[in-house]
Amino acid sequence: MKKTDWNQYSLETQAVRAGHNRTQEDEHSIPIFATSSYVFGSAEEAALRFSGESPGNIYSRFTNPTVNAFQERLAAMEEGERCLAFSSGMAAIMAVCMGLLKAGDHVVSSRTVFGNTVLLFQNYFAKFGVTTDFVDLTNPAAWEAAIKPNTRFLFLETPSNPLIEIADIQKLAEIAHNHGCLLVVDNVFCTPALQKPLLLGADIIVHSTTKYIDGQGRCVGGAVIASDELIEKYIYPYLRTGGASMSPFNAWVFLSGLETLAIRMKAHCENALELAQWLESQPSVAKVHYPGLASHAQHELAKRQQSGFGGVVSFELQGGKQQAWDLIDATKLLSITANLGDVKTTITHPATTTHSRLSEQERSLAGIRDSLVRISVGLENIDDIKNDINILRAVTGGNL
């Protein structure tokens, strides 16, 4: 069968069609290959498969047709050469680190990455002689000043979690490459529907597919997209040995999620912008963090770098932790959960959930205050979402 060049098609078409190589059954929907192993025609064929001299499936820890279909589809959508799928977003980040880093290496990371990513660098890779410096995401000069001769890569999320700050990917790619480093971008908040870091100069993309790629909070997974050379030399050997594999069932769920990704992200963006504008007009709200607002410090950069502003809004109340908790507890429709990217709107208090394992000083440096609330805006009617948050009037004496 002739292999399709998916680069000639739009993202929406890639999301529905890419990666499906029909079997002899001529199925219209991608099947789940629920098998741990594969049968070889002969001992020689088995030997050639294991040595890499002959292509084909070997063992589902690292070769499975359903997982392969998901990998091919996401790689096409990110306009990357190759994708590897993992059991979680953190497993994907771990794979990048294990594949690229050795004792004595150095990493520069933004302060405003996911709390567990900070802990991965600080508490675990530090034990094996890898050092990390954390810098302001939006300050290119700080990134450049932090680079050392042994710096292996720069790591960032943009937009960031939970303050929705935007990094200049193209500028940071130039800085990284001028110093012989790689640029790794976590693209979980935007997905390829809104942002394509590889086209802006990034070398590696990581995803938590648990979020928008699934879109309905059903499965946990992760992915790494990069050049075939980087994947084959550094990431694939770790997956094959380490075994942090995505299950065929989860890959099948994520394939379905990709089919609706573009239209979902558009709807998420529309709802989030309206909610952010409404929150900005409320007297009990001290500040709203959303790049679609003209008041956002990186609004113009977001307009240039992204095709939409995303579905996550965070905001700070005039009061502290108790008022934030009161707002969250007063909601009846919104789901109190730390997950994001769901069709259902979720609300959480980052300082005591997603970033609670950071020290108070680390949260302060990252700008994560006790008054901060994060909302992942879903696809419910926006008036229903706003009305649910309006319940806070009963808690604050009608100030919101």
Foldseek 3Di string as FASTA:
>chain_A
DDADDLLVDALLCLLQDFLDDDDPVRDPARDQPPDFADDDPDPVRLVCPVVVVDDDTGGQLQDDSLQRSLFRSQCSLLVFATKAKFQALVVAVVLLCQQFDAAQAEEEEALQAFQVVVCCQVVPVVVRRYYYDYDHQADLVRVLVPDDLRYAAYEYEALGPPQNDGHQLLSNLVSQVVSPYAYEYEDAQARSLWFRSVVSRHAKYKYFCCAQLLQANDHTMMMMGGHPVSCVRGRSVCSVPVSRHHHSVVSSSSSVSSSCSNVFFVLLQVLQVVVQVVLVPFPQWPDKRWLCDPPHPCVVVSVVGTPGGGNKIKTFGPDFQVLLVLLQVQFDQEDDDPGARYLGKHKYQCCCPRNVPDDPVSCVVNVRGRRMMMIRDHNDPSVSVVVRSQSCCVVPVHRD
